[in-house]
């Protein structure tokens, strides 16, 4: 995996946040450049890296540089989880290596993926504890229904209602399951958007990053807040 592809680093001083961006199947790191630019603009002290998948795309496409995180040849609901599981060790090891390289704790790391990159990001935090503080999943899905909430990780799901590749219902189902498991999760389905990293979805992602307060932060704030004496009843 080319960890030098499309890197945005702070102009001065060390990075305070780490954003790792993962493209969809049959694409390259360059396809995540619009989101990388938005994140770098909003968070100038962040390191924002777009990463290429390790495997050459084995489908039919005109772009010879196309990559994949796992093969989608004859993929179905039965074999998808196994393919994702086989790809996860390399995926997780890359994240850990970049956290070490930048001296970045997992709490200040965010994973952002589109389509297959979103699948890998969602499943990575399900598999590896304390891997990332946030996941931004665009037009993605879980490989299989989550059995537990990713501890202290906030999951943001973004989907277009007109997506015919991975229907928006996948994000809705994931959100409902994660909420039932006690996870921190948001889900935004925007009308008229297909299977694309649409600017409106990116805008919503920035808004969620700016405004959503994770449950852990609320709980810590409440535990540290002084108790107010209640006035006696008259």
C-alpha atoms as a PDB file:
ATOM      1  CA  UNK A   1       0.000   0.000   0.000  1.00  0.00           C
ATOM      2  CA  UNK A   2       1.366   3.383  -0.985  1.00  0.00           C
ATOM      3  CA  UNK A   3       1.172   5.438   2.212  1.00  0.00           C
ATOM      4  CA  UNK A   4       2.616   8.516   0.509  1.00  0.00           C
ATOM      5  CA  UNK A   5      -0.305   8.955  -1.901  1.00  0.00           C
ATOM      6  CA  UNK A   6      -2.053  12.305  -1.652  1.00  0.00           C
ATOM      7  CA  UNK A   7      -0.889  13.507   1.739  1.00  0.00           C
ATOM      8  CA  UNK A   8      -1.970  16.833   3.248  1.00  0.00           C
ATOM      9  CA  UNK A   9       0.176  17.799   6.237  1.00  0.00           C
ATOM     10  CA  UNK A  10       0.159  20.872   8.492  1.00  0.00           C
ATOM     11  CA  UNK A  11       2.258  23.762   7.199  1.00  0.00           C
ATOM     12  CA  UNK A  12       3.712  24.288  10.659  1.00  0.00           C
ATOM     13  CA  UNK A  13       3.981  22.108  13.719  1.00  0.00           C
ATOM     14  CA  UNK A  14       3.053  18.470  14.267  1.00  0.00           C
ATOM     15  CA  UNK A  15      -0.387  17.159  13.278  1.00  0.00           C
ATOM     16  CA  UNK A  16      -3.088  17.155  15.936  1.00  0.00           C
ATOM     17  CA  UNK A  17      -5.458  14.797  14.105  1.00  0.00           C
ATOM     18  CA  UNK A  18      -5.050  11.943  11.647  1.00  0.00           C
ATOM     19  CA  UNK A  19      -7.556  11.315   8.841  1.00  0.00           C
ATOM     20  CA  UNK A  20      -7.057   8.157   6.758  1.00  0.00           C
ATOM     21  CA  UNK A  21      -9.119   7.938   3.552  1.00  0.00           C
ATOM     22  CA  UNK A  22      -9.955   4.710   1.731  1.00  0.00           C
ATOM     23  CA  UNK A  23     -11.338   4.551  -1.816  1.00  0.00           C
ATOM     24  CA  UNK A  24     -13.918   2.250  -3.384  1.00  0.00           C
ATOM     25  CA  UNK A  25     -13.340  -0.865  -5.472  1.00  0.00           C
ATOM     26  CA  UNK A  26     -11.866  -0.285  -8.912  1.00  0.00           C
ATOM     27  CA  UNK A  27     -10.601   3.173  -7.946  1.00  0.00           C
ATOM     28  CA  UNK A  28      -7.412   4.734  -6.540  1.00  0.00           C
ATOM     29  CA  UNK A  29      -6.389   7.031  -3.709  1.00  0.00           C
ATOM     30  CA  UNK A  30      -6.891   9.968  -6.059  1.00  0.00           C
ATOM     31  CA  UNK A  31     -10.652   9.413  -5.983  1.00  0.00           C
ATOM     32  CA  UNK A  32     -10.675  10.509  -2.335  1.00  0.00           C
ATOM     33  CA  UNK A  33      -8.875  13.789  -3.102  1.00  0.00           C
ATOM     34  CA  UNK A  34     -12.014  15.999  -2.931  1.00  0.00           C
ATOM     35  CA  UNK A  35     -12.758  14.814   0.595  1.00  0.00           C
ATOM     36  CA  UNK A  36      -9.087  15.138   1.554  1.00  0.00           C
ATOM     37  CA  UNK A  37      -9.075  18.756   0.444  1.00  0.00           C
ATOM     38  CA  UNK A  38     -12.223  19.505   2.438  1.00  0.00           C
ATOM     39  CA  UNK A  39     -10.825  17.921   5.584  1.00  0.00           C
ATOM     40  CA  UNK A  40      -7.467  19.674   5.207  1.00  0.00           C
ATOM     41  CA  UNK A  41      -9.274  22.987   4.770  1.00  0.00           C
ATOM     42  CA  UNK A  42     -11.434  22.470   7.847  1.00  0.00           C
ATOM     43  CA  UNK A  43      -8.626  20.989   9.958  1.00  0.00           C
ATOM     44  CA  UNK A  44      -5.338  22.630   8.891  1.00  0.00           C
ATOM     45  CA  UNK A  45      -3.450  20.971  11.766  1.00  0.00           C
ATOM     46  CA  UNK A  46      -4.489  17.493  10.663  1.00  0.00           C
ATOM     47  CA  UNK A  47      -2.570  14.940   8.656  1.00  0.00           C
ATOM     48  CA  UNK A  48      -4.909  13.781   5.888  1.00  0.00           C
ATOM     49  CA  UNK A  49      -3.795  10.765   3.851  1.00  0.00           C
ATOM     50  CA  UNK A  50      -5.486   9.085   0.893  1.00  0.00           C
ATOM     51  CA  UNK A  51      -4.368   5.470   0.639  1.00  0.00           C
ATOM     52  CA  UNK A  52      -4.266   2.997  -2.244  1.00  0.00           C
ATOM     53  CA  UNK A  53      -5.643  -0.486  -1.654  1.00  0.00           C
ATOM     54  CA  UNK A  54      -2.966  -3.199  -1.728  1.00  0.00           C
ATOM     55  CA  UNK A  55      -4.422  -5.349  -4.525  1.00  0.00           C
ATOM     56  CA  UNK A  56      -4.831  -4.721  -8.243  1.00  0.00           C
ATOM     57  CA  UNK A  57      -8.482  -4.624  -9.279  1.00  0.00           C
ATOM     58  CA  UNK A  58      -9.406  -7.972 -10.855  1.00  0.00           C
ATOM     59  CA  UNK A  59     -12.525  -6.752 -12.605  1.00  0.00           C
ATOM     60  CA  UNK A  60     -13.061  -5.198 -16.017  1.00  0.00           C
ATOM     61  CA  UNK A  61     -12.229  -1.500 -16.070  1.00  0.00           C
ATOM     62  CA  UNK A  62     -10.324   0.860 -18.325  1.00  0.00           C
ATOM     63  CA  UNK A  63      -8.070   2.282 -15.612  1.00  0.00           C
ATOM     64  CA  UNK A  64      -4.989   0.075 -15.279  1.00  0.00           C
ATOM     65  CA  UNK A  65      -4.062   1.550 -11.894  1.00  0.00           C
ATOM     66  CA  UNK A  66      -7.381   0.541 -10.303  1.00  0.00           C
ATOM     67  CA  UNK A  67      -7.147  -1.146  -6.908  1.00  0.00           C
ATOM     68  CA  UNK A  68      -9.304  -3.170  -4.546  1.00  0.00           C
ATOM     69  CA  UNK A  69      -9.381  -4.011  -0.837  1.00  0.00           C
ATOM     70  CA  UNK A  70     -10.946  -7.394  -1.627  1.00  0.00           C
ATOM     71  CA  UNK A  71     -12.224  -9.095  -4.759  1.00  0.00           C
ATOM     72  CA  UNK A  72     -15.869  -8.688  -5.744  1.00  0.00           C
ATOM     73  CA  UNK A  73     -15.793 -11.464  -8.324  1.00  0.00           C
ATOM     74  CA  UNK A  74     -18.852 -13.611  -7.639  1.00  0.00           C
ATOM     75  CA  UNK A  75     -19.221 -11.877  -4.272  1.00  0.00           C
ATOM     76  CA  UNK A  76     -22.447 -12.486  -2.380  1.00  0.00           C
ATOM     77  CA  UNK A  77     -23.871 -12.234   1.131  1.00  0.00           C
ATOM     78  CA  UNK A  78     -22.328 -15.580   2.059  1.00  0.00           C
ATOM     79  CA  UNK A  79     -18.709 -15.054   1.001  1.00  0.00           C
ATOM     80  CA  UNK A  80     -18.352 -11.287   1.549  1.00  0.00           C
ATOM     81  CA  UNK A  81     -17.641 -11.513   5.324  1.00  0.00           C
ATOM     82  CA  UNK A  82     -14.811 -13.985   4.736  1.00  0.00           C
ATOM     83  CA  UNK A  83     -13.202 -11.842   2.064  1.00  0.00           C
ATOM     84  CA  UNK A  84     -13.341  -8.787   4.286  1.00  0.00           C
ATOM     85  CA  UNK A  85     -11.952 -10.722   7.247  1.00  0.00           C
ATOM     86  CA  UNK A  86      -9.007 -11.919   5.117  1.00  0.00           C
ATOM     87  CA  UNK A  87      -8.198  -8.332   4.090  1.00  0.00           C
ATOM     88  CA  UNK A  88      -8.532  -6.798   7.553  1.00  0.00           C
ATOM     89  CA  UNK A  89      -5.128  -7.717   9.072  1.00  0.00           C
ATOM     90  CA  UNK A  90      -3.238  -5.729   6.409  1.00  0.00           C
ATOM     91  CA  UNK A  91      -5.766  -2.900   6.598  1.00  0.00           C
ATOM     92  CA  UNK A  92      -5.505  -2.633  10.393  1.00  0.00           C
ATOM     93  CA  UNK A  93      -1.712  -2.984  10.364  1.00  0.00           C
ATOM     94  CA  UNK A  94      -1.492  -0.042   7.955  1.00  0.00           C
ATOM     95  CA  UNK A  95      -3.601   2.118  10.267  1.00  0.00           C
ATOM     96  CA  UNK A  96      -1.481   1.179  13.268  1.00  0.00           C
ATOM     97  CA  UNK A  97       1.733   1.888  11.369  1.00  0.00           C
ATOM     98  CA  UNK A  98       0.544   5.359  10.369  1.00  0.00           C
ATOM     99  CA  UNK A  99      -0.567   6.108  13.933  1.00  0.00           C
ATOM    100  CA  UNK A 100       2.943   5.197  15.069  1.00  0.00           C
ATOM    101  CA  UNK A 101       4.542   7.218  12.285  1.00  0.00           C
ATOM    102  CA  UNK A 102       2.654  10.376  13.262  1.00  0.00           C
ATOM    103  CA  UNK A 103       2.635   9.690  17.010  1.00  0.00           C
ATOM    104  CA  UNK A 104      -1.153   9.833  16.912  1.00  0.00           C
ATOM    105  CA  UNK A 105      -3.353   8.099  19.498  1.00  0.00           C
ATOM    106  CA  UNK A 106      -6.317   6.134  18.254  1.00  0.00           C
ATOM    107  CA  UNK A 107      -8.776   8.606  19.809  1.00  0.00           C
ATOM    108  CA  UNK A 108      -7.512  11.327  17.430  1.00  0.00           C
ATOM    109  CA  UNK A 109      -7.631   9.099  14.367  1.00  0.00           C
ATOM    110  CA  UNK A 110     -10.567   9.081  11.952  1.00  0.00           C
ATOM    111  CA  UNK A 111     -11.190   6.586   9.159  1.00  0.00           C
ATOM    112  CA  UNK A 112     -13.119   7.788   6.107  1.00  0.00           C
ATOM    113  CA  UNK A 113     -14.121   5.349   3.404  1.00  0.00           C
ATOM    114  CA  UNK A 114     -16.239   5.298   0.271  1.00  0.00           C
ATOM    115  CA  UNK A 115     -18.094   2.137  -0.806  1.00  0.00           C
ATOM    116  CA  UNK A 116     -15.629  -0.758  -0.351  1.00  0.00           C
ATOM    117  CA  UNK A 117     -13.378   1.561   1.647  1.00  0.00           C
ATOM    118  CA  UNK A 118     -16.338   2.229   3.935  1.00  0.00           C
ATOM    119  CA  UNK A 119     -16.941  -1.510   4.329  1.00  0.00           C
ATOM    120  CA  UNK A 120     -13.337  -1.998   5.415  1.00  0.00           C
ATOM    121  CA  UNK A 121     -13.433   0.952   7.824  1.00  0.00           C
ATOM    122  CA  UNK A 122     -16.675  -0.175   9.464  1.00  0.00           C
ATOM    123  CA  UNK A 123     -15.495  -3.744   9.882  1.00  0.00           C
ATOM    124  CA  UNK A 124     -12.049  -2.681  11.106  1.00  0.00           C
ATOM    125  CA  UNK A 125     -13.443  -0.901  14.172  1.00  0.00           C
ATOM    126  CA  UNK A 126     -15.723  -3.866  14.822  1.00  0.00           C
ATOM    127  CA  UNK A 127     -12.717  -6.190  14.795  1.00  0.00           C
ATOM    128  CA  UNK A 128      -9.959  -4.116  16.414  1.00  0.00           C
ATOM    129  CA  UNK A 129     -10.633  -2.356  19.748  1.00  0.00           C
ATOM    130  CA  UNK A 130      -9.369   1.203  20.141  1.00  0.00           C
ATOM    131  CA  UNK A 131      -8.505   1.621  16.470  1.00  0.00           C
ATOM    132  CA  UNK A 132     -10.118   4.984  15.674  1.00  0.00           C
ATOM    133  CA  UNK A 133     -12.188   7.628  17.397  1.00  0.00           C
ATOM    134  CA  UNK A 134     -14.475   8.157  14.406  1.00  0.00           C
ATOM    135  CA  UNK A 135     -15.524   6.459  11.193  1.00  0.00           C
ATOM    136  CA  UNK A 136     -16.989   8.353   8.234  1.00  0.00           C
ATOM    137  CA  UNK A 137     -18.653   5.758   6.001  1.00  0.00           C
ATOM    138  CA  UNK A 138     -19.898   7.001   2.620  1.00  0.00           C
ATOM    139  CA  UNK A 139     -22.166   4.724   0.575  1.00  0.00           C
ATOM    140  CA  UNK A 140     -21.009   1.696   2.530  1.00  0.00           C
ATOM    141  CA  UNK A 141     -22.290  -1.173   4.605  1.00  0.00           C
ATOM    142  CA  UNK A 142     -21.210  -3.735   7.155  1.00  0.00           C
ATOM    143  CA  UNK A 143     -20.127  -7.068   5.719  1.00  0.00           C
ATOM    144  CA  UNK A 144     -22.352  -8.680   8.316  1.00  0.00           C
ATOM    145  CA  UNK A 145     -24.656  -7.252  10.955  1.00  0.00           C
ATOM    146  CA  UNK A 146     -22.668  -5.890  13.935  1.00  0.00           C
ATOM    147  CA  UNK A 147     -22.812  -8.085  17.030  1.00  0.00           C
ATOM    148  CA  UNK A 148     -21.463  -5.411  19.379  1.00  0.00           C
ATOM    149  CA  UNK A 149     -20.876  -1.682  19.521  1.00  0.00           C
ATOM    150  CA  UNK A 150     -17.334  -0.478  18.736  1.00  0.00           C
ATOM    151  CA  UNK A 151     -16.194   0.844  22.112  1.00  0.00           C
ATOM    152  CA  UNK A 152     -15.650   4.627  22.269  1.00  0.00           C
ATOM    153  CA  UNK A 153     -15.860   4.938  18.475  1.00  0.00           C
ATOM    154  CA  UNK A 154     -18.401   7.235  16.836  1.00  0.00           C
ATOM    155  CA  UNK A 155     -19.743   5.935  13.525  1.00  0.00           C
ATOM    156  CA  UNK A 156     -21.133   8.390  10.957  1.00  0.00           C
ATOM    157  CA  UNK A 157     -23.022   6.889   8.021  1.00  0.00           C
ATOM    158  CA  UNK A 158     -23.715   8.882   4.843  1.00  0.00           C
ATOM    159  CA  UNK A 159     -25.731   7.649   1.887  1.00  0.00           C
ATOM    160  CA  UNK A 160     -27.623   8.848  -1.163  1.00  0.00           C
ATOM    161  CA  UNK A 161     -31.229   7.728  -1.455  1.00  0.00           C
ATOM    162  CA  UNK A 162     -30.745   7.001  -5.187  1.00  0.00           C
ATOM    163  CA  UNK A 163     -27.757   4.684  -4.664  1.00  0.00           C
ATOM    164  CA  UNK A 164     -28.341   1.590  -6.831  1.00  0.00           C
ATOM    165  CA  UNK A 165     -25.001  -0.081  -6.030  1.00  0.00           C
ATOM    166  CA  UNK A 166     -25.309  -0.236  -2.240  1.00  0.00           C
ATOM    167  CA  UNK A 167     -28.855   0.806  -1.321  1.00  0.00           C
ATOM    168  CA  UNK A 168     -29.271   3.408   1.398  1.00  0.00           C
ATOM    169  CA  UNK A 169     -31.194   0.814   3.408  1.00  0.00           C
ATOM    170  CA  UNK A 170     -27.820  -0.726   4.255  1.00  0.00           C
ATOM    171  CA  UNK A 171     -26.804   2.366   6.221  1.00  0.00           C
ATOM    172  CA  UNK A 172     -30.219   2.587   7.863  1.00  0.00           C
ATOM    173  CA  UNK A 173     -30.040  -1.062   8.934  1.00  0.00           C
ATOM    174  CA  UNK A 174     -26.506  -0.588  10.293  1.00  0.00           C
ATOM    175  CA  UNK A 175     -27.551   2.507  12.214  1.00  0.00           C
ATOM    176  CA  UNK A 176     -30.551   0.795  13.773  1.00  0.00           C
ATOM    177  CA  UNK A 177     -28.465  -2.207  14.806  1.00  0.00           C
ATOM    178  CA  UNK A 178     -25.683  -0.079  16.285  1.00  0.00           C
ATOM    179  CA  UNK A 179     -28.131   2.116  18.194  1.00  0.00           C
ATOM    180  CA  UNK A 180     -29.736  -1.000  19.686  1.00  0.00           C
ATOM    181  CA  UNK A 181     -26.261  -2.137  20.780  1.00  0.00           C
ATOM    182  CA  UNK A 182     -25.593   1.193  22.506  1.00  0.00           C
ATOM    183  CA  UNK A 183     -23.177   2.627  19.952  1.00  0.00           C
ATOM    184  CA  UNK A 184     -22.567   6.272  19.104  1.00  0.00           C
ATOM    185  CA  UNK A 185     -23.900   6.532  15.555  1.00  0.00           C
ATOM    186  CA  UNK A 186     -25.427   9.025  13.128  1.00  0.00           C
ATOM    187  CA  UNK A 187     -27.008   8.264   9.757  1.00  0.00           C
ATOM    188  CA  UNK A 188     -27.706  10.781   6.995  1.00  0.00           C
ATOM    189  CA  UNK A 189     -29.551   9.766   3.838  1.00  0.00           C
ATOM    190  CA  UNK A 190     -29.795  12.606   1.326  1.00  0.00           C
ATOM    191  CA  UNK A 191     -32.286  12.607  -1.555  1.00  0.00           C
ATOM    192  CA  UNK A 192     -31.389  12.383  -5.225  1.00  0.00           C
ATOM    193  CA  UNK A 193     -27.793  11.224  -4.716  1.00  0.00           C
ATOM    194  CA  UNK A 194     -26.460   8.032  -6.255  1.00  0.00           C
ATOM    195  CA  UNK A 195     -23.352   5.960  -5.559  1.00  0.00           C
ATOM    196  CA  UNK A 196     -20.867   8.823  -5.372  1.00  0.00           C
ATOM    197  CA  UNK A 197     -18.793  10.881  -2.994  1.00  0.00           C
ATOM    198  CA  UNK A 198     -21.164  13.790  -3.471  1.00  0.00           C
ATOM    199  CA  UNK A 199     -20.310  17.290  -2.161  1.00  0.00           C
ATOM    200  CA  UNK A 200     -23.551  17.335  -0.163  1.00  0.00           C
ATOM    201  CA  UNK A 201     -22.494  14.169   1.664  1.00  0.00           C
ATOM    202  CA  UNK A 202     -19.082  15.661   2.356  1.00  0.00           C
ATOM    203  CA  UNK A 203     -20.712  18.826   3.695  1.00  0.00           C
ATOM    204  CA  UNK A 204     -22.826  16.726   6.031  1.00  0.00           C
ATOM    205  CA  UNK A 205     -19.745  14.848   7.202  1.00  0.00           C
ATOM    206  CA  UNK A 206     -17.979  18.084   8.096  1.00  0.00           C
ATOM    207  CA  UNK A 207     -21.064  19.197   9.976  1.00  0.00           C
ATOM    208  CA  UNK A 208     -21.184  15.963  11.971  1.00  0.00           C
ATOM    209  CA  UNK A 209     -17.498  16.237  12.821  1.00  0.00           C
ATOM    210  CA  UNK A 210     -18.003  19.813  13.981  1.00  0.00           C
ATOM    211  CA  UNK A 211     -21.201  19.389  15.973  1.00  0.00           C
ATOM    212  CA  UNK A 212     -21.749  15.806  17.149  1.00  0.00           C
ATOM    213  CA  UNK A 213     -20.644  15.231  20.740  1.00  0.00           C
ATOM    214  CA  UNK A 214     -19.766  11.582  21.434  1.00  0.00           C
ATOM    215  CA  UNK A 215     -21.452   9.855  24.338  1.00  0.00           C
ATOM    216  CA  UNK A 216     -18.103   9.370  26.118  1.00  0.00           C
ATOM    217  CA  UNK A 217     -17.493  13.129  26.159  1.00  0.00           C
ATOM    218  CA  UNK A 218     -20.972  13.814  27.531  1.00  0.00           C
ATOM    219  CA  UNK A 219     -20.540  11.203  30.255  1.00  0.00           C
ATOM    220  CA  UNK A 220     -17.159  12.622  31.255  1.00  0.00           C
ATOM    221  CA  UNK A 221     -18.516  16.159  31.324  1.00  0.00           C
ATOM    222  CA  UNK A 222     -21.486  15.101  33.451  1.00  0.00           C
ATOM    223  CA  UNK A 223     -19.302  13.200  35.904  1.00  0.00           C
ATOM    224  CA  UNK A 224     -17.018  16.213  36.354  1.00  0.00           C
ATOM    225  CA  UNK A 225     -19.800  18.794  36.609  1.00  0.00           C
ATOM    226  CA  UNK A 226     -20.459  20.073  40.143  1.00  0.00           C
ATOM    227  CA  UNK A 227     -23.753  19.053  41.659  1.00  0.00           C
ATOM    228  CA  UNK A 228     -26.081  21.961  42.243  1.00  0.00           C
ATOM    229  CA  UNK A 229     -27.841  22.156  45.565  1.00  0.00           C
ATOM    230  CA  UNK A 230     -31.561  21.845  45.071  1.00  0.00           C
ATOM    231  CA  UNK A 231     -33.631  24.581  46.677  1.00  0.00           C
ATOM    232  CA  UNK A 232     -35.893  23.260  49.447  1.00  0.00           C
ATOM    233  CA  UNK A 233     -39.538  22.775  48.542  1.00  0.00           C
ATOM    234  CA  UNK A 234     -41.835  25.430  49.941  1.00  0.00           C
END
